[in-house]
Amino acid sequence: MTGVWLPLAATVLAAALTWWCCLRPMARKRSCHGTPDPGLHEELRAAREELQRLRGETTPTPFTDPTDRPETLNR
C-alpha cells in the first residue's frame, strides 16, 4: 500500500503545477508565454512570400532513365 503513495503524490503535484503555470493564466485570458513580437509576424510574412515565389520559379526536372546510356561496343 505504501508503494502507491509516491506515484499518486507525483501525479497530484504534476496536475497542480499544470493548473498553476498554464491553465490558471489562460483562464484569466492571459497566455503562459510572452506576447508575440510584431517584428516576428513581419518576418514570417516575408518568408512565406519568398517561399511562394521560389516554388513558382522551380520547374520539375525531367525523369532520367538509369538504363538510358550511350551504346557501347562489345568486343
PDB file of N, CA and C in Angstrom:
ATOM      1  N   MET A   1       0.820  -1.195   0.000  1.00  0.00           N
ATOM      2  CA  MET A   1       0.000   0.000   0.000  1.00  0.00           C
ATOM      3  C   MET A   1       0.861   1.255   0.000  1.00  0.00           C
ATOM      4  N   THR A   2       2.019   1.207   0.644  1.00  0.00           N
ATOM      5  CA  THR A   2       2.851   2.415   0.711  1.00  0.00           C
ATOM      6  C   THR A   2       3.491   2.717  -0.638  1.00  0.00           C
ATOM      7  N   GLY A   3       3.602   1.744  -1.537  1.00  0.00           N
ATOM      8  CA  GLY A   3       4.182   1.974  -2.851  1.00  0.00           C
ATOM      9  C   GLY A   3       3.265   2.766  -3.769  1.00  0.00           C
ATOM     10  N   VAL A   4       2.012   2.949  -3.384  1.00  0.00           N
ATOM     11  CA  VAL A   4       1.045   3.688  -4.193  1.00  0.00           C
ATOM     12  C   VAL A   4       1.139   5.179  -3.920  1.00  0.00           C
ATOM     13  N   TRP A   5       1.562   5.573  -2.741  1.00  0.00           N
ATOM     14  CA  TRP A   5       1.529   6.982  -2.349  1.00  0.00           C
ATOM     15  C   TRP A   5       2.504   7.848  -3.136  1.00  0.00           C
ATOM     16  N   LEU A   6       3.677   7.348  -3.437  1.00  0.00           N
ATOM     17  CA  LEU A   6       4.645   8.160  -4.171  1.00  0.00           C
ATOM     18  C   LEU A   6       4.170   8.477  -5.597  1.00  0.00           C
ATOM     19  N   PRO A   7       3.731   7.497  -6.387  1.00  0.00           N
ATOM     20  CA  PRO A   7       3.208   7.847  -7.720  1.00  0.00           C
ATOM     21  C   PRO A   7       1.963   8.726  -7.662  1.00  0.00           C
ATOM     22  N   LEU A   8       1.113   8.489  -6.660  1.00  0.00           N
ATOM     23  CA  LEU A   8      -0.085   9.304  -6.507  1.00  0.00           C
ATOM     24  C   LEU A   8       0.286  10.748  -6.168  1.00  0.00           C
ATOM     25  N   ALA A   9       1.236  10.938  -5.282  1.00  0.00           N
ATOM     26  CA  ALA A   9       1.675  12.286  -4.917  1.00  0.00           C
ATOM     27  C   ALA A   9       2.329  12.985  -6.114  1.00  0.00           C
ATOM     28  N   ALA A  10       3.111  12.261  -6.903  1.00  0.00           N
ATOM     29  CA  ALA A  10       3.747  12.852  -8.084  1.00  0.00           C
ATOM     30  C   ALA A  10       2.687  13.265  -9.106  1.00  0.00           C
ATOM     31  N   THR A  11       1.643  12.478  -9.268  1.00  0.00           N
ATOM     32  CA  THR A  11       0.569  12.811 -10.198  1.00  0.00           C
ATOM     33  C   THR A  11      -0.186  14.055  -9.749  1.00  0.00           C
ATOM     34  N   VAL A  12      -0.478  14.130  -8.454  1.00  0.00           N
ATOM     35  CA  VAL A  12      -1.175  15.301  -7.918  1.00  0.00           C
ATOM     36  C   VAL A  12      -0.309  16.542  -8.058  1.00  0.00           C
ATOM     37  N   LEU A  13       0.977  16.433  -7.784  1.00  0.00           N
ATOM     38  CA  LEU A  13       1.891  17.564  -7.922  1.00  0.00           C
ATOM     39  C   LEU A  13       1.964  18.027  -9.377  1.00  0.00           C
ATOM     40  N   ALA A  14       2.029  17.098 -10.322  1.00  0.00           N
ATOM     41  CA  ALA A  14       2.078  17.465 -11.739  1.00  0.00           C
ATOM     42  C   ALA A  14       0.791  18.177 -12.163  1.00  0.00           C
ATOM     43  N   ALA A  15      -0.340  17.683 -11.694  1.00  0.00           N
ATOM     44  CA  ALA A  15      -1.622  18.326 -12.024  1.00  0.00           C
ATOM     45  C   ALA A  15      -1.690  19.729 -11.419  1.00  0.00           C
ATOM     46  N   ALA A  16      -1.220  19.878 -10.193  1.00  0.00           N
ATOM     47  CA  ALA A  16      -1.241  21.193  -9.543  1.00  0.00           C
ATOM     48  C   ALA A  16      -0.325  22.176 -10.268  1.00  0.00           C
ATOM     49  N   LEU A  17       0.859  21.738 -10.659  1.00  0.00           N
ATOM     50  CA  LEU A  17       1.774  22.628 -11.393  1.00  0.00           C
ATOM     51  C   LEU A  17       1.211  22.998 -12.761  1.00  0.00           C
ATOM     52  N   THR A  18       0.551  22.058 -13.424  1.00  0.00           N
ATOM     53  CA  THR A  18      -0.062  22.358 -14.713  1.00  0.00           C
ATOM     54  C   THR A  18      -1.153  23.402 -14.545  1.00  0.00           C
ATOM     55  N   TRP A  19      -1.953  23.262 -13.506  1.00  0.00           N
ATOM     56  CA  TRP A  19      -3.002  24.243 -13.249  1.00  0.00           C
ATOM     57  C   TRP A  19      -2.390  25.611 -12.954  1.00  0.00           C
ATOM     58  N   TRP A  20      -1.406  25.661 -12.091  1.00  0.00           N
ATOM     59  CA  TRP A  20      -0.840  26.928 -11.645  1.00  0.00           C
ATOM     60  C   TRP A  20      -0.098  27.653 -12.782  1.00  0.00           C
ATOM     61  N   CYS A  21       0.652  26.911 -13.589  1.00  0.00           N
ATOM     62  CA  CYS A  21       1.504  27.550 -14.597  1.00  0.00           C
ATOM     63  C   CYS A  21       0.816  27.778 -15.937  1.00  0.00           C
ATOM     64  N   CYS A  22      -0.150  26.956 -16.303  1.00  0.00           N
ATOM     65  CA  CYS A  22      -0.737  27.069 -17.647  1.00  0.00           C
ATOM     66  C   CYS A  22      -2.234  27.347 -17.645  1.00  0.00           C
ATOM     67  N   LEU A  23      -2.996  26.539 -16.957  1.00  0.00           N
ATOM     68  CA  LEU A  23      -4.450  26.666 -17.039  1.00  0.00           C
ATOM     69  C   LEU A  23      -4.971  27.911 -16.339  1.00  0.00           C
ATOM     70  N   ARG A  24      -4.416  28.252 -15.190  1.00  0.00           N
ATOM     71  CA  ARG A  24      -4.864  29.430 -14.455  1.00  0.00           C
ATOM     72  C   ARG A  24      -4.632  30.712 -15.249  1.00  0.00           C
ATOM     73  N   PRO A  25      -3.435  30.927 -15.839  1.00  0.00           N
ATOM     74  CA  PRO A  25      -3.265  32.148 -16.640  1.00  0.00           C
ATOM     75  C   PRO A  25      -4.168  32.182 -17.870  1.00  0.00           C
ATOM     76  N   MET A  26      -4.411  31.028 -18.497  1.00  0.00           N
ATOM     77  CA  MET A  26      -5.291  31.027 -19.662  1.00  0.00           C
ATOM     78  C   MET A  26      -6.733  31.305 -19.250  1.00  0.00           C
ATOM     79  N   ALA A  27      -7.137  30.880 -18.057  1.00  0.00           N
ATOM     80  CA  ALA A  27      -8.481  31.156 -17.572  1.00  0.00           C
ATOM     81  C   ALA A  27      -8.662  32.646 -17.303  1.00  0.00           C
ATOM     82  N   ARG A  28      -7.575  33.351 -17.010  1.00  0.00           N
ATOM     83  CA  ARG A  28      -7.631  34.793 -16.790  1.00  0.00           C
ATOM     84  C   ARG A  28      -7.372  35.569 -18.082  1.00  0.00           C
ATOM     85  N   LYS A  29      -7.492  34.872 -19.218  1.00  0.00           N
ATOM     86  CA  LYS A  29      -7.304  35.447 -20.538  1.00  0.00           C
ATOM     87  C   LYS A  29      -5.893  35.996 -20.737  1.00  0.00           C
ATOM     88  N   ARG A  30      -4.940  35.304 -20.171  1.00  0.00           N
ATOM     89  CA  ARG A  30      -3.526  35.587 -20.405  1.00  0.00           C
ATOM     90  C   ARG A  30      -2.899  34.292 -20.881  1.00  0.00           C
ATOM     91  N   SER A  31      -1.817  34.420 -21.583  1.00  0.00           N
ATOM     92  CA  SER A  31      -1.132  33.208 -22.016  1.00  0.00           C
ATOM     93  C   SER A  31      -0.006  32.902 -21.050  1.00  0.00           C
ATOM     94  N   CYS A  32       0.482  31.672 -21.111  1.00  0.00           N
ATOM     95  CA  CYS A  32       1.563  31.290 -20.216  1.00  0.00           C
ATOM     96  C   CYS A  32       2.925  31.589 -20.836  1.00  0.00           C
ATOM     97  N   HIS A  33       2.951  32.323 -21.930  1.00  0.00           N
ATOM     98  CA  HIS A  33       4.209  32.758 -22.544  1.00  0.00           C
ATOM     99  C   HIS A  33       4.098  34.233 -22.860  1.00  0.00           C
ATOM    100  N   GLY A  34       5.169  34.823 -23.285  1.00  0.00           N
ATOM    101  CA  GLY A  34       5.203  36.254 -23.559  1.00  0.00           C
ATOM    102  C   GLY A  34       4.354  36.649 -24.750  1.00  0.00           C
ATOM    103  N   THR A  35       4.156  37.948 -24.897  1.00  0.00           N
ATOM    104  CA  THR A  35       3.378  38.439 -26.023  1.00  0.00           C
ATOM    105  C   THR A  35       4.179  38.290 -27.311  1.00  0.00           C
ATOM    106  N   PRO A  36       3.512  38.037 -28.422  1.00  0.00           N
ATOM    107  CA  PRO A  36       4.230  37.846 -29.679  1.00  0.00           C
ATOM    108  C   PRO A  36       4.884  39.141 -30.151  1.00  0.00           C
ATOM    109  N   ASP A  37       6.023  38.999 -30.771  1.00  0.00           N
ATOM    110  CA  ASP A  37       6.781  40.130 -31.281  1.00  0.00           C
ATOM    111  C   ASP A  37       6.197  40.556 -32.624  1.00  0.00           C
ATOM    112  N   PRO A  38       5.842  41.843 -32.800  1.00  0.00           N
ATOM    113  CA  PRO A  38       5.290  42.268 -34.089  1.00  0.00           C
ATOM    114  C   PRO A  38       6.291  42.091 -35.232  1.00  0.00           C
ATOM    115  N   GLY A  39       7.574  42.210 -34.960  1.00  0.00           N
ATOM    116  CA  GLY A  39       8.583  42.004 -35.998  1.00  0.00           C
ATOM    117  C   GLY A  39       8.612  40.565 -36.476  1.00  0.00           C
ATOM    118  N   LEU A  40       8.270  39.647 -35.587  1.00  0.00           N
ATOM    119  CA  LEU A  40       8.237  38.227 -35.951  1.00  0.00           C
ATOM    120  C   LEU A  40       7.178  37.967 -37.013  1.00  0.00           C
ATOM    121  N   HIS A  41       6.005  38.585 -36.862  1.00  0.00           N
ATOM    122  CA  HIS A  41       4.939  38.391 -37.846  1.00  0.00           C
ATOM    123  C   HIS A  41       5.360  38.933 -39.210  1.00  0.00           C
ATOM    124  N   GLU A  42       6.072  40.042 -39.234  1.00  0.00           N
ATOM    125  CA  GLU A  42       6.558  40.604 -40.491  1.00  0.00           C
ATOM    126  C   GLU A  42       7.575  39.673 -41.144  1.00  0.00           C
ATOM    127  N   GLU A  43       8.479  39.115 -40.354  1.00  0.00           N
ATOM    128  CA  GLU A  43       9.473  38.180 -40.895  1.00  0.00           C
ATOM    129  C   GLU A  43       8.816  36.916 -41.429  1.00  0.00           C
ATOM    130  N   LEU A  44       7.817  36.402 -40.718  1.00  0.00           N
ATOM    131  CA  LEU A  44       7.101  35.216 -41.184  1.00  0.00           C
ATOM    132  C   LEU A  44       6.373  35.487 -42.491  1.00  0.00           C
ATOM    133  N   ARG A  45       5.747  36.667 -42.605  1.00  0.00           N
ATOM    134  CA  ARG A  45       5.053  37.010 -43.831  1.00  0.00           C
ATOM    135  C   ARG A  45       6.027  37.087 -45.004  1.00  0.00           C
ATOM    136  N   ALA A  46       7.182  37.717 -44.777  1.00  0.00           N
ATOM    137  CA  ALA A  46       8.188  37.823 -45.838  1.00  0.00           C
ATOM    138  C   ALA A  46       8.723  36.447 -46.229  1.00  0.00           C
ATOM    139  N   ALA A  47       8.929  35.579 -45.262  1.00  0.00           N
ATOM    140  CA  ALA A  47       9.431  34.239 -45.551  1.00  0.00           C
ATOM    141  C   ALA A  47       8.405  33.436 -46.347  1.00  0.00           C
ATOM    142  N   ARG A  48       7.124  33.584 -46.009  1.00  0.00           N
ATOM    143  CA  ARG A  48       6.082  32.872 -46.750  1.00  0.00           C
ATOM    144  C   ARG A  48       5.999  33.371 -48.194  1.00  0.00           C
ATOM    145  N   GLU A  49       6.122  34.686 -48.384  1.00  0.00           N
ATOM    146  CA  GLU A  49       6.106  35.230 -49.738  1.00  0.00           C
ATOM    147  C   GLU A  49       7.290  34.715 -50.550  1.00  0.00           C
ATOM    148  N   GLU A  50       8.460  34.679 -49.925  1.00  0.00           N
ATOM    149  CA  GLU A  50       9.652  34.186 -50.623  1.00  0.00           C
ATOM    150  C   GLU A  50       9.498  32.708 -50.971  1.00  0.00           C
ATOM    151  N   LEU A  51       8.922  31.935 -50.073  1.00  0.00           N
ATOM    152  CA  LEU A  51       8.710  30.516 -50.341  1.00  0.00           C
ATOM    153  C   LEU A  51       7.757  30.318 -51.517  1.00  0.00           C
ATOM    154  N   GLN A  52       6.684  31.103 -51.570  1.00  0.00           N
ATOM    155  CA  GLN A  52       5.754  31.001 -52.690  1.00  0.00           C
ATOM    156  C   GLN A  52       6.441  31.404 -53.993  1.00  0.00           C
ATOM    157  N   ARG A  53       7.282  32.435 -53.948  1.00  0.00           N
ATOM    158  CA  ARG A  53       7.995  32.873 -55.142  1.00  0.00           C
ATOM    159  C   ARG A  53       8.954  31.786 -55.619  1.00  0.00           C
ATOM    160  N   LEU A  54       9.680  31.170 -54.676  1.00  0.00           N
ATOM    161  CA  LEU A  54      10.624  30.117 -55.040  1.00  0.00           C
ATOM    162  C   LEU A  54       9.910  28.887 -55.587  1.00  0.00           C
ATOM    163  N   ARG A  55       8.778  28.551 -55.018  1.00  0.00           N
ATOM    164  CA  ARG A  55       8.021  27.400 -55.522  1.00  0.00           C
ATOM    165  C   ARG A  55       7.494  27.674 -56.927  1.00  0.00           C
ATOM    166  N   GLY A  56       7.170  28.915 -57.217  1.00  0.00           N
ATOM    167  CA  GLY A  56       6.672  29.261 -58.542  1.00  0.00           C
ATOM    168  C   GLY A  56       7.767  29.256 -59.590  1.00  0.00           C
ATOM    169  N   GLU A  57       9.012  29.519 -59.190  1.00  0.00           N
ATOM    170  CA  GLU A  57      10.113  29.583 -60.141  1.00  0.00           C
ATOM    171  C   GLU A  57      10.652  28.215 -60.522  1.00  0.00           C
ATOM    172  N   THR A  58      10.485  27.257 -59.676  1.00  0.00           N
ATOM    173  CA  THR A  58      11.082  25.947 -59.940  1.00  0.00           C
ATOM    174  C   THR A  58      10.289  25.210 -60.992  1.00  0.00           C
ATOM    175  N   THR A  59      10.992  24.544 -61.878  1.00  0.00           N
ATOM    176  CA  THR A  59      10.353  23.691 -62.876  1.00  0.00           C
ATOM    177  C   THR A  59      10.763  22.261 -62.583  1.00  0.00           C
ATOM    178  N   PRO A  60       9.868  21.336 -62.763  1.00  0.00           N
ATOM    179  CA  PRO A  60      10.227  19.943 -62.474  1.00  0.00           C
ATOM    180  C   PRO A  60      11.298  19.454 -63.447  1.00  0.00           C
ATOM    181  N   THR A  61      12.242  18.725 -62.919  1.00  0.00           N
ATOM    182  CA  THR A  61      13.293  18.171 -63.762  1.00  0.00           C
ATOM    183  C   THR A  61      12.777  16.907 -64.430  1.00  0.00           C
ATOM    184  N   PRO A  62      13.150  16.708 -65.684  1.00  0.00           N
ATOM    185  CA  PRO A  62      12.666  15.506 -66.358  1.00  0.00           C
ATOM    186  C   PRO A  62      13.283  14.258 -65.741  1.00  0.00           C
ATOM    187  N   PHE A  63      12.524  13.203 -65.729  1.00  0.00           N
ATOM    188  CA  PHE A  63      12.990  11.943 -65.175  1.00  0.00           C
ATOM    189  C   PHE A  63      13.982  11.318 -66.148  1.00  0.00           C
ATOM    190  N   THR A  64      15.111  10.944 -65.634  1.00  0.00           N
ATOM    191  CA  THR A  64      16.104  10.291 -66.485  1.00  0.00           C
ATOM    192  C   THR A  64      16.136   8.810 -66.160  1.00  0.00           C
ATOM    193  N   ASP A  65      16.110   8.026 -67.188  1.00  0.00           N
ATOM    194  CA  ASP A  65      16.121   6.576 -67.038  1.00  0.00           C
ATOM    195  C   ASP A  65      17.559   6.121 -66.793  1.00  0.00           C
ATOM    196  N   PRO A  66      17.845   5.410 -65.698  1.00  0.00           N
ATOM    197  CA  PRO A  66      19.223   4.991 -65.434  1.00  0.00           C
ATOM    198  C   PRO A  66      19.755   4.003 -66.477  1.00  0.00           C
ATOM    199  N   THR A  67      18.875   3.358 -67.230  1.00  0.00           N
ATOM    200  CA  THR A  67      19.345   2.409 -68.253  1.00  0.00           C
ATOM    201  C   THR A  67      19.620   3.107 -69.586  1.00  0.00           C
ATOM    202  N   ASP A  68      19.280   4.369 -69.681  1.00  0.00           N
ATOM    203  CA  ASP A  68      19.499   5.112 -70.917  1.00  0.00           C
ATOM    204  C   ASP A  68      20.944   5.617 -70.927  1.00  0.00           C
ATOM    205  N   ARG A  69      21.831   4.819 -71.525  1.00  0.00           N
ATOM    206  CA  ARG A  69      23.256   5.154 -71.574  1.00  0.00           C
ATOM    207  C   ARG A  69      23.723   5.137 -73.022  1.00  0.00           C
ATOM    208  N   PRO A  70      24.857   5.741 -73.281  1.00  0.00           N
ATOM    209  CA  PRO A  70      25.391   5.638 -74.643  1.00  0.00           C
ATOM    210  C   PRO A  70      25.706   4.174 -74.962  1.00  0.00           C
ATOM    211  N   GLU A  71      25.524   3.868 -76.210  1.00  0.00           N
ATOM    212  CA  GLU A  71      25.776   2.482 -76.622  1.00  0.00           C
ATOM    213  C   GLU A  71      27.266   2.193 -76.565  1.00  0.00           C
ATOM    214  N   THR A  72      27.595   1.013 -76.114  1.00  0.00           N
ATOM    215  CA  THR A  72      28.999   0.574 -76.097  1.00  0.00           C
ATOM    216  C   THR A  72      29.136  -0.635 -77.000  1.00  0.00           C
ATOM    217  N   LEU A  73      30.287  -0.777 -77.576  1.00  0.00           N
ATOM    218  CA  LEU A  73      30.536  -1.912 -78.440  1.00  0.00           C
ATOM    219  C   LEU A  73      31.087  -3.068 -77.611  1.00  0.00           C
ATOM    220  N   ASN A  74      30.498  -4.205 -77.783  1.00  0.00           N
ATOM    221  CA  ASN A  74      31.007  -5.397 -77.096  1.00  0.00           C
ATOM    222  C   ASN A  74      32.159  -5.983 -77.910  1.00  0.00           C
ATOM    223  N   ARG A  75      33.266  -6.215 -77.337  1.00  0.00           N
ATOM    224  CA  ARG A  75      34.405  -6.774 -78.056  1.00  0.00           C
ATOM    225  C   ARG A  75      34.610  -8.194 -77.680  1.00  0.00           C
TER     226      ARG A  75
END
